[in-house]
Amino acid sequence: MEKSLEKHLEETFKIPGVSSVICTDEQGLCLGLKGSCHANVAGPIATLAKQADQLRRTTNAPNPPSICIESEAGSVLIGKKDDITMAIFKSS
């Protein structure tokens, strides 16, 4: 799994405009990261994904939601698949 995860991180990090990529488990443990973000954001990212998934369950939507947080400095896209959450940071 580590080689596969590292490959996905590397490929995502190569996308133009991406400044950081981080993957976490459901408890907020940083599984891997590339770029300028810090491992201490893994917990909040996992929590956001978990909270969004609880909202999804109230609407009976079939898939976990994607979350996009935007600011003047850039944006963060957060998505979850199975038990891994990935956040992609893009700078403006």
PDB file of N, CA and C in Angstrom:
ATOM      1  N   MET A   1       0.821  -1.194   0.000  1.00  0.00           N
ATOM      2  CA  MET A   1       0.000   0.000   0.000  1.00  0.00           C
ATOM      3  C   MET A   1       0.864   1.256   0.000  1.00  0.00           C
ATOM      4  N   GLU A   2       1.996   1.238   0.707  1.00  0.00           N
ATOM      5  CA  GLU A   2       2.820   2.430   0.814  1.00  0.00           C
ATOM      6  C   GLU A   2       3.325   2.894  -0.545  1.00  0.00           C
ATOM      7  N   LYS A   3       3.756   1.962  -1.386  1.00  0.00           N
ATOM      8  CA  LYS A   3       4.260   2.338  -2.710  1.00  0.00           C
ATOM      9  C   LYS A   3       3.141   2.917  -3.564  1.00  0.00           C
ATOM     10  N   SER A   4       1.964   2.322  -3.481  1.00  0.00           N
ATOM     11  CA  SER A   4       0.817   2.813  -4.243  1.00  0.00           C
ATOM     12  C   SER A   4       0.417   4.207  -3.761  1.00  0.00           C
ATOM     13  N   LEU A   5       0.373   4.400  -2.453  1.00  0.00           N
ATOM     14  CA  LEU A   5       0.014   5.702  -1.892  1.00  0.00           C
ATOM     15  C   LEU A   5       1.046   6.744  -2.296  1.00  0.00           C
ATOM     16  N   GLU A   6       2.312   6.401  -2.183  1.00  0.00           N
ATOM     17  CA  GLU A   6       3.383   7.335  -2.557  1.00  0.00           C
ATOM     18  C   GLU A   6       3.286   7.708  -4.037  1.00  0.00           C
ATOM     19  N   LYS A   7       2.923   6.750  -4.879  1.00  0.00           N
ATOM     20  CA  LYS A   7       2.774   7.006  -6.315  1.00  0.00           C
ATOM     21  C   LYS A   7       1.629   7.993  -6.565  1.00  0.00           C
ATOM     22  N   HIS A   8       0.493   7.792  -5.872  1.00  0.00           N
ATOM     23  CA  HIS A   8      -0.650   8.701  -6.028  1.00  0.00           C
ATOM     24  C   HIS A   8      -0.304  10.107  -5.537  1.00  0.00           C
ATOM     25  N   LEU A   9       0.406  10.191  -4.419  1.00  0.00           N
ATOM     26  CA  LEU A   9       0.817  11.499  -3.913  1.00  0.00           C
ATOM     27  C   LEU A   9       1.714  12.208  -4.926  1.00  0.00           C
ATOM     28  N   GLU A  10       2.673  11.486  -5.467  1.00  0.00           N
ATOM     29  CA  GLU A  10       3.613  12.059  -6.431  1.00  0.00           C
ATOM     30  C   GLU A  10       2.901  12.530  -7.697  1.00  0.00           C
ATOM     31  N   GLU A  11       1.993  11.703  -8.226  1.00  0.00           N
ATOM     32  CA  GLU A  11       1.262  12.067  -9.446  1.00  0.00           C
ATOM     33  C   GLU A  11       0.368  13.282  -9.224  1.00  0.00           C
ATOM     34  N   THR A  12      -0.301  13.322  -8.076  1.00  0.00           N
ATOM     35  CA  THR A  12      -1.183  14.455  -7.771  1.00  0.00           C
ATOM     36  C   THR A  12      -0.377  15.729  -7.571  1.00  0.00           C
ATOM     37  N   PHE A  13       0.772  15.610  -6.920  1.00  0.00           N
ATOM     38  CA  PHE A  13       1.617  16.772  -6.647  1.00  0.00           C
ATOM     39  C   PHE A  13       2.144  17.391  -7.940  1.00  0.00           C
ATOM     40  N   LYS A  14       2.258  16.621  -9.009  1.00  0.00           N
ATOM     41  CA  LYS A  14       2.763  17.114 -10.289  1.00  0.00           C
ATOM     42  C   LYS A  14       1.731  17.944 -11.064  1.00  0.00           C
ATOM     43  N   ILE A  15       0.470  17.909 -10.652  1.00  0.00           N
ATOM     44  CA  ILE A  15      -0.569  18.685 -11.347  1.00  0.00           C
ATOM     45  C   ILE A  15      -0.275  20.176 -11.164  1.00  0.00           C
ATOM     46  N   PRO A  16      -0.316  20.953 -12.249  1.00  0.00           N
ATOM     47  CA  PRO A  16      -0.024  22.389 -12.142  1.00  0.00           C
ATOM     48  C   PRO A  16      -0.933  23.088 -11.119  1.00  0.00           C
ATOM     49  N   GLY A  17      -0.324  23.914 -10.285  1.00  0.00           N
ATOM     50  CA  GLY A  17      -1.066  24.679  -9.289  1.00  0.00           C
ATOM     51  C   GLY A  17      -1.158  24.009  -7.929  1.00  0.00           C
ATOM     52  N   VAL A  18      -0.852  22.710  -7.858  1.00  0.00           N
ATOM     53  CA  VAL A  18      -0.930  21.993  -6.578  1.00  0.00           C
ATOM     54  C   VAL A  18       0.315  22.323  -5.761  1.00  0.00           C
ATOM     55  N   SER A  19       0.090  22.804  -4.535  1.00  0.00           N
ATOM     56  CA  SER A  19       1.213  23.148  -3.655  1.00  0.00           C
ATOM     57  C   SER A  19       1.478  22.081  -2.603  1.00  0.00           C
ATOM     58  N   SER A  20       0.463  21.282  -2.269  1.00  0.00           N
ATOM     59  CA  SER A  20       0.622  20.213  -1.277  1.00  0.00           C
ATOM     60  C   SER A  20      -0.455  19.156  -1.458  1.00  0.00           C
ATOM     61  N   VAL A  21      -0.120  17.948  -1.025  1.00  0.00           N
ATOM     62  CA  VAL A  21      -1.071  16.840  -1.009  1.00  0.00           C
ATOM     63  C   VAL A  21      -0.819  16.068   0.276  1.00  0.00           C
ATOM     64  N   ILE A  22      -1.895  15.688   0.962  1.00  0.00           N
ATOM     65  CA  ILE A  22      -1.753  14.915   2.197  1.00  0.00           C
ATOM     66  C   ILE A  22      -2.829  13.837   2.248  1.00  0.00           C
ATOM     67  N   CYS A  23      -2.475  12.677   2.769  1.00  0.00           N
ATOM     68  CA  CYS A  23      -3.422  11.580   2.982  1.00  0.00           C
ATOM     69  C   CYS A  23      -3.464  11.236   4.457  1.00  0.00           C
ATOM     70  N   THR A  24      -4.660  10.965   4.961  1.00  0.00           N
ATOM     71  CA  THR A  24      -4.842  10.616   6.367  1.00  0.00           C
ATOM     72  C   THR A  24      -5.702   9.364   6.479  1.00  0.00           C
ATOM     73  N   ASP A  25      -5.625   8.734   7.650  1.00  0.00           N
ATOM     74  CA  ASP A  25      -6.574   7.665   7.934  1.00  0.00           C
ATOM     75  C   ASP A  25      -7.776   8.271   8.644  1.00  0.00           C
ATOM     76  N   GLU A  26      -8.729   7.438   9.053  1.00  0.00           N
ATOM     77  CA  GLU A  26      -9.962   7.950   9.667  1.00  0.00           C
ATOM     78  C   GLU A  26      -9.741   8.615  11.022  1.00  0.00           C
ATOM     79  N   GLN A  27      -8.635   8.269  11.698  1.00  0.00           N
ATOM     80  CA  GLN A  27      -8.333   8.855  12.999  1.00  0.00           C
ATOM     81  C   GLN A  27      -7.495  10.130  12.894  1.00  0.00           C
ATOM     82  N   GLY A  28      -7.123  10.525  11.675  1.00  0.00           N
ATOM     83  CA  GLY A  28      -6.342  11.743  11.491  1.00  0.00           C
ATOM     84  C   GLY A  28      -4.851  11.530  11.488  1.00  0.00           C
ATOM     85  N   LEU A  29      -4.406  10.284  11.369  1.00  0.00           N
ATOM     86  CA  LEU A  29      -2.980   9.993  11.283  1.00  0.00           C
ATOM     87  C   LEU A  29      -2.501  10.292   9.871  1.00  0.00           C
ATOM     88  N   CYS A  30      -1.434  11.050   9.740  1.00  0.00           N
ATOM     89  CA  CYS A  30      -0.875  11.378   8.431  1.00  0.00           C
ATOM     90  C   CYS A  30      -0.229  10.126   7.839  1.00  0.00           C
ATOM     91  N   LEU A  31      -0.738   9.689   6.681  1.00  0.00           N
ATOM     92  CA  LEU A  31      -0.198   8.514   6.003  1.00  0.00           C
ATOM     93  C   LEU A  31       0.879   8.891   4.991  1.00  0.00           C
ATOM     94  N   GLY A  32       0.863  10.129   4.536  1.00  0.00           N
ATOM     95  CA  GLY A  32       1.859  10.600   3.584  1.00  0.00           C
ATOM     96  C   GLY A  32       1.540  12.013   3.158  1.00  0.00           C
ATOM     97  N   LEU A  33       2.575  12.752   2.779  1.00  0.00           N
ATOM     98  CA  LEU A  33       2.351  14.109   2.292  1.00  0.00           C
ATOM     99  C   LEU A  33       3.468  14.515   1.349  1.00  0.00           C
ATOM    100  N   LYS A  34       3.144  15.438   0.494  1.00  0.00           N
ATOM    101  CA  LYS A  34       4.087  16.052  -0.443  1.00  0.00           C
ATOM    102  C   LYS A  34       3.807  17.534  -0.444  1.00  0.00           C
ATOM    103  N   GLY A  35       4.852  18.333  -0.453  1.00  0.00           N
ATOM    104  CA  GLY A  35       4.677  19.766  -0.555  1.00  0.00           C
ATOM    105  C   GLY A  35       4.871  20.497   0.745  1.00  0.00           C
ATOM    106  N   SER A  36       4.283  21.673   0.818  1.00  0.00           N
ATOM    107  CA  SER A  36       4.553  22.605   1.908  1.00  0.00           C
ATOM    108  C   SER A  36       3.627  22.485   3.118  1.00  0.00           C
ATOM    109  N   CYS A  37       2.604  21.665   3.069  1.00  0.00           N
ATOM    110  CA  CYS A  37       1.713  21.554   4.237  1.00  0.00           C
ATOM    111  C   CYS A  37       2.400  20.739   5.336  1.00  0.00           C
ATOM    112  N   HIS A  38       1.881  20.860   6.539  1.00  0.00           N
ATOM    113  CA  HIS A  38       2.442  20.161   7.688  1.00  0.00           C
ATOM    114  C   HIS A  38       1.551  18.991   8.081  1.00  0.00           C
ATOM    115  N   ALA A  39       2.150  17.983   8.671  1.00  0.00           N
ATOM    116  CA  ALA A  39       1.417  16.788   9.083  1.00  0.00           C
ATOM    117  C   ALA A  39       0.348  17.105  10.133  1.00  0.00           C
ATOM    118  N   ASN A  40       0.470  18.239  10.849  1.00  0.00           N
ATOM    119  CA  ASN A  40      -0.510  18.559  11.890  1.00  0.00           C
ATOM    120  C   ASN A  40      -1.878  18.954  11.328  1.00  0.00           C
ATOM    121  N   VAL A  41      -2.015  19.112  10.006  1.00  0.00           N
ATOM    122  CA  VAL A  41      -3.332  19.391   9.424  1.00  0.00           C
ATOM    123  C   VAL A  41      -4.109  18.099   9.142  1.00  0.00           C
ATOM    124  N   ALA A  42      -3.467  16.947   9.314  1.00  0.00           N
ATOM    125  CA  ALA A  42      -4.117  15.661   9.025  1.00  0.00           C
ATOM    126  C   ALA A  42      -5.361  15.454   9.887  1.00  0.00           C
ATOM    127  N   GLY A  43      -5.289  15.789  11.169  1.00  0.00           N
ATOM    128  CA  GLY A  43      -6.428  15.609  12.071  1.00  0.00           C
ATOM    129  C   GLY A  43      -7.643  16.425  11.659  1.00  0.00           C
ATOM    130  N   PRO A  44      -7.474  17.744  11.462  1.00  0.00           N
ATOM    131  CA  PRO A  44      -8.618  18.550  11.019  1.00  0.00           C
ATOM    132  C   PRO A  44      -9.186  18.108   9.670  1.00  0.00           C
ATOM    133  N   ILE A  45      -8.341  17.678   8.768  1.00  0.00           N
ATOM    134  CA  ILE A  45      -8.825  17.205   7.466  1.00  0.00           C
ATOM    135  C   ILE A  45      -9.686  15.961   7.639  1.00  0.00           C
ATOM    136  N   ALA A  46      -9.227  15.013   8.450  1.00  0.00           N
ATOM    137  CA  ALA A  46     -10.014  13.799   8.702  1.00  0.00           C
ATOM    138  C   ALA A  46     -11.329  14.133   9.385  1.00  0.00           C
ATOM    139  N   THR A  47     -11.306  15.091  10.306  1.00  0.00           N
ATOM    140  CA  THR A  47     -12.526  15.497  11.008  1.00  0.00           C
ATOM    141  C   THR A  47     -13.524  16.140  10.050  1.00  0.00           C
ATOM    142  N   LEU A  48     -13.060  17.015   9.167  1.00  0.00           N
ATOM    143  CA  LEU A  48     -13.950  17.634   8.176  1.00  0.00           C
ATOM    144  C   LEU A  48     -14.602  16.571   7.289  1.00  0.00           C
ATOM    145  N   ALA A  49     -13.812  15.614   6.837  1.00  0.00           N
ATOM    146  CA  ALA A  49     -14.349  14.553   5.979  1.00  0.00           C
ATOM    147  C   ALA A  49     -15.382  13.716   6.727  1.00  0.00           C
ATOM    148  N   LYS A  50     -15.110  13.449   8.000  1.00  0.00           N
ATOM    149  CA  LYS A  50     -16.040  12.655   8.808  1.00  0.00           C
ATOM    150  C   LYS A  50     -17.356  13.400   9.028  1.00  0.00           C
ATOM    151  N   GLN A  51     -17.263  14.703   9.311  1.00  0.00           N
ATOM    152  CA  GLN A  51     -18.466  15.498   9.527  1.00  0.00           C
ATOM    153  C   GLN A  51     -19.290  15.614   8.240  1.00  0.00           C
ATOM    154  N   ALA A  52     -18.625  15.816   7.121  1.00  0.00           N
ATOM    155  CA  ALA A  52     -19.338  15.894   5.841  1.00  0.00           C
ATOM    156  C   ALA A  52     -20.014  14.569   5.522  1.00  0.00           C
ATOM    157  N   ASP A  53     -19.375  13.461   5.869  1.00  0.00           N
ATOM    158  CA  ASP A  53     -19.973  12.148   5.624  1.00  0.00           C
ATOM    159  C   ASP A  53     -21.221  11.952   6.481  1.00  0.00           C
ATOM    160  N   GLN A  54     -21.228  12.497   7.691  1.00  0.00           N
ATOM    161  CA  GLN A  54     -22.427  12.409   8.528  1.00  0.00           C
ATOM    162  C   GLN A  54     -23.576  13.200   7.907  1.00  0.00           C
ATOM    163  N   LEU A  55     -23.288  14.359   7.320  1.00  0.00           N
ATOM    164  CA  LEU A  55     -24.326  15.124   6.622  1.00  0.00           C
ATOM    165  C   LEU A  55     -24.865  14.339   5.437  1.00  0.00           C
ATOM    166  N   ARG A  56     -23.971  13.677   4.711  1.00  0.00           N
ATOM    167  CA  ARG A  56     -24.381  12.882   3.557  1.00  0.00           C
ATOM    168  C   ARG A  56     -25.362  11.792   3.979  1.00  0.00           C
ATOM    169  N   ARG A  57     -25.113  11.172   5.087  1.00  0.00           N
ATOM    170  CA  ARG A  57     -25.981  10.083   5.551  1.00  0.00           C
ATOM    171  C   ARG A  57     -27.384  10.563   5.856  1.00  0.00           C
ATOM    172  N   THR A  58     -27.528  11.829   6.264  1.00  0.00           N
ATOM    173  CA  THR A  58     -28.878  12.342   6.542  1.00  0.00           C
ATOM    174  C   THR A  58     -29.666  12.565   5.264  1.00  0.00           C
ATOM    175  N   THR A  59     -28.963  12.690   4.124  1.00  0.00           N
ATOM    176  CA  THR A  59     -29.641  12.902   2.844  1.00  0.00           C
ATOM    177  C   THR A  59     -29.696  11.623   2.006  1.00  0.00           C
ATOM    178  N   ASN A  60     -29.132  10.549   2.525  1.00  0.00           N
ATOM    179  CA  ASN A  60     -29.083   9.260   1.832  1.00  0.00           C
ATOM    180  C   ASN A  60     -28.350   9.316   0.499  1.00  0.00           C
ATOM    181  N   ALA A  61     -27.386  10.217   0.359  1.00  0.00           N
ATOM    182  CA  ALA A  61     -26.566  10.261  -0.856  1.00  0.00           C
ATOM    183  C   ALA A  61     -25.667   9.019  -0.892  1.00  0.00           C
ATOM    184  N   PRO A  62     -25.420   8.458  -2.059  1.00  0.00           N
ATOM    185  CA  PRO A  62     -24.710   7.191  -2.147  1.00  0.00           C
ATOM    186  C   PRO A  62     -23.204   7.263  -1.910  1.00  0.00           C
ATOM    187  N   ASN A  63     -22.567   8.393  -2.166  1.00  0.00           N
ATOM    188  CA  ASN A  63     -21.108   8.473  -2.071  1.00  0.00           C
ATOM    189  C   ASN A  63     -20.672   9.538  -1.082  1.00  0.00           C
ATOM    190  N   PRO A  64     -19.482   9.385  -0.494  1.00  0.00           N
ATOM    191  CA  PRO A  64     -18.955  10.432   0.379  1.00  0.00           C
ATOM    192  C   PRO A  64     -18.801  11.742  -0.387  1.00  0.00           C
ATOM    193  N   PRO A  65     -19.059  12.866   0.253  1.00  0.00           N
ATOM    194  CA  PRO A  65     -18.976  14.153  -0.438  1.00  0.00           C
ATOM    195  C   PRO A  65     -17.531  14.617  -0.622  1.00  0.00           C
ATOM    196  N   SER A  66     -17.338  15.505  -1.563  1.00  0.00           N
ATOM    197  CA  SER A  66     -16.080  16.225  -1.715  1.00  0.00           C
ATOM    198  C   SER A  66     -16.277  17.590  -1.070  1.00  0.00           C
ATOM    199  N   ILE A  67     -15.225  18.086  -0.464  1.00  0.00           N
ATOM    200  CA  ILE A  67     -15.286  19.370   0.227  1.00  0.00           C
ATOM    201  C   ILE A  67     -14.297  20.313  -0.441  1.00  0.00           C
ATOM    202  N   CYS A  68     -14.719  21.523  -0.728  1.00  0.00           N
ATOM    203  CA  CYS A  68     -13.813  22.532  -1.281  1.00  0.00           C
ATOM    204  C   CYS A  68     -13.857  23.755  -0.375  1.00  0.00           C
ATOM    205  N   ILE A  69     -12.706  24.136   0.143  1.00  0.00           N
ATOM    206  CA  ILE A  69     -12.585  25.332   0.972  1.00  0.00           C
ATOM    207  C   ILE A  69     -11.753  26.331   0.173  1.00  0.00           C
ATOM    208  N   GLU A  70     -12.299  27.528  -0.020  1.00  0.00           N
ATOM    209  CA  GLU A  70     -11.620  28.536  -0.831  1.00  0.00           C
ATOM    210  C   GLU A  70     -11.310  29.775   0.002  1.00  0.00           C
ATOM    211  N   SER A  71     -10.172  30.369  -0.307  1.00  0.00           N
ATOM    212  CA  SER A  71      -9.798  31.645   0.289  1.00  0.00           C
ATOM    213  C   SER A  71      -9.034  32.447  -0.756  1.00  0.00           C
ATOM    214  N   GLU A  72      -8.633  33.659  -0.405  1.00  0.00           N
ATOM    215  CA  GLU A  72      -7.857  34.470  -1.334  1.00  0.00           C
ATOM    216  C   GLU A  72      -6.499  33.838  -1.640  1.00  0.00           C
ATOM    217  N   ALA A  73      -5.962  33.085  -0.694  1.00  0.00           N
ATOM    218  CA  ALA A  73      -4.638  32.474  -0.859  1.00  0.00           C
ATOM    219  C   ALA A  73      -4.667  31.213  -1.706  1.00  0.00           C
ATOM    220  N   GLY A  74      -5.828  30.584  -1.818  1.00  0.00           N
ATOM    221  CA  GLY A  74      -5.928  29.351  -2.589  1.00  0.00           C
ATOM    222  C   GLY A  74      -7.117  28.529  -2.162  1.00  0.00           C
ATOM    223  N   SER A  75      -7.054  27.222  -2.427  1.00  0.00           N
ATOM    224  CA  SER A  75      -8.165  26.344  -2.074  1.00  0.00           C
ATOM    225  C   SER A  75      -7.653  24.985  -1.618  1.00  0.00           C
ATOM    226  N   VAL A  76      -8.536  24.264  -0.936  1.00  0.00           N
ATOM    227  CA  VAL A  76      -8.254  22.908  -0.480  1.00  0.00           C
ATOM    228  C   VAL A  76      -9.418  22.036  -0.923  1.00  0.00           C
ATOM    229  N   LEU A  77      -9.123  20.953  -1.608  1.00  0.00           N
ATOM    230  CA  LEU A  77     -10.133  19.984  -2.011  1.00  0.00           C
ATOM    231  C   LEU A  77      -9.923  18.734  -1.182  1.00  0.00           C
ATOM    232  N   ILE A  78     -10.966  18.287  -0.484  1.00  0.00           N
ATOM    233  CA  ILE A  78     -10.877  17.135   0.407  1.00  0.00           C
ATOM    234  C   ILE A  78     -11.850  16.068  -0.073  1.00  0.00           C
ATOM    235  N   GLY A  79     -11.348  14.861  -0.213  1.00  0.00           N
ATOM    236  CA  GLY A  79     -12.179  13.740  -0.635  1.00  0.00           C
ATOM    237  C   GLY A  79     -11.808  12.493   0.140  1.00  0.00           C
ATOM    238  N   LYS A  80     -12.765  11.578   0.242  1.00  0.00           N
ATOM    239  CA  LYS A  80     -12.559  10.354   1.015  1.00  0.00           C
ATOM    240  C   LYS A  80     -12.945   9.157   0.163  1.00  0.00           C
ATOM    241  N   LYS A  81     -12.126   8.124   0.216  1.00  0.00           N
ATOM    242  CA  LYS A  81     -12.437   6.864  -0.441  1.00  0.00           C
ATOM    243  C   LYS A  81     -12.057   5.764   0.527  1.00  0.00           C
ATOM    244  N   ASP A  82     -13.041   4.912   0.823  1.00  0.00           N
ATOM    245  CA  ASP A  82     -12.862   3.851   1.819  1.00  0.00           C
ATOM    246  C   ASP A  82     -12.413   4.486   3.134  1.00  0.00           C
ATOM    247  N   ASP A  83     -11.231   4.147   3.629  1.00  0.00           N
ATOM    248  CA  ASP A  83     -10.802   4.686   4.923  1.00  0.00           C
ATOM    249  C   ASP A  83      -9.646   5.677   4.786  1.00  0.00           C
ATOM    250  N   ILE A  84      -9.423   6.188   3.583  1.00  0.00           N
ATOM    251  CA  ILE A  84      -8.345   7.160   3.361  1.00  0.00           C
ATOM    252  C   ILE A  84      -8.943   8.482   2.869  1.00  0.00           C
ATOM    253  N   THR A  85      -8.496   9.564   3.484  1.00  0.00           N
ATOM    254  CA  THR A  85      -8.920  10.903   3.096  1.00  0.00           C
ATOM    255  C   THR A  85      -7.726  11.613   2.473  1.00  0.00           C
ATOM    256  N   MET A  86      -7.967  12.286   1.361  1.00  0.00           N
ATOM    257  CA  MET A  86      -6.911  13.023   0.674  1.00  0.00           C
ATOM    258  C   MET A  86      -7.301  14.485   0.572  1.00  0.00           C
ATOM    259  N   ALA A  87      -6.347  15.365   0.826  1.00  0.00           N
ATOM    260  CA  ALA A  87      -6.548  16.802   0.674  1.00  0.00           C
ATOM    261  C   ALA A  87      -5.524  17.324  -0.328  1.00  0.00           C
ATOM    262  N   ILE A  88      -6.004  18.119  -1.268  1.00  0.00           N
ATOM    263  CA  ILE A  88      -5.152  18.726  -2.284  1.00  0.00           C
ATOM    264  C   ILE A  88      -5.207  20.229  -2.090  1.00  0.00           C
ATOM    265  N   PHE A  89      -4.056  20.825  -1.846  1.00  0.00           N
ATOM    266  CA  PHE A  89      -3.942  22.272  -1.636  1.00  0.00           C
ATOM    267  C   PHE A  89      -3.483  22.915  -2.934  1.00  0.00           C
ATOM    268  N   LYS A  90      -4.231  23.935  -3.368  1.00  0.00           N
ATOM    269  CA  LYS A  90      -3.857  24.669  -4.567  1.00  0.00           C
ATOM    270  C   LYS A  90      -3.683  26.136  -4.185  1.00  0.00           C
ATOM    271  N   SER A  91      -2.599  26.729  -4.674  1.00  0.00           N
ATOM    272  CA  SER A  91      -2.384  28.152  -4.401  1.00  0.00           C
ATOM    273  C   SER A  91      -2.939  28.985  -5.541  1.00  0.00           C
ATOM    274  N   SER A  92      -3.305  30.216  -5.223  1.00  0.00           N
ATOM    275  CA  SER A  92      -3.885  31.109  -6.235  1.00  0.00           C
ATOM    276  C   SER A  92      -2.833  31.651  -7.160  1.00  0.00           C
TER     277      SER A  92
END
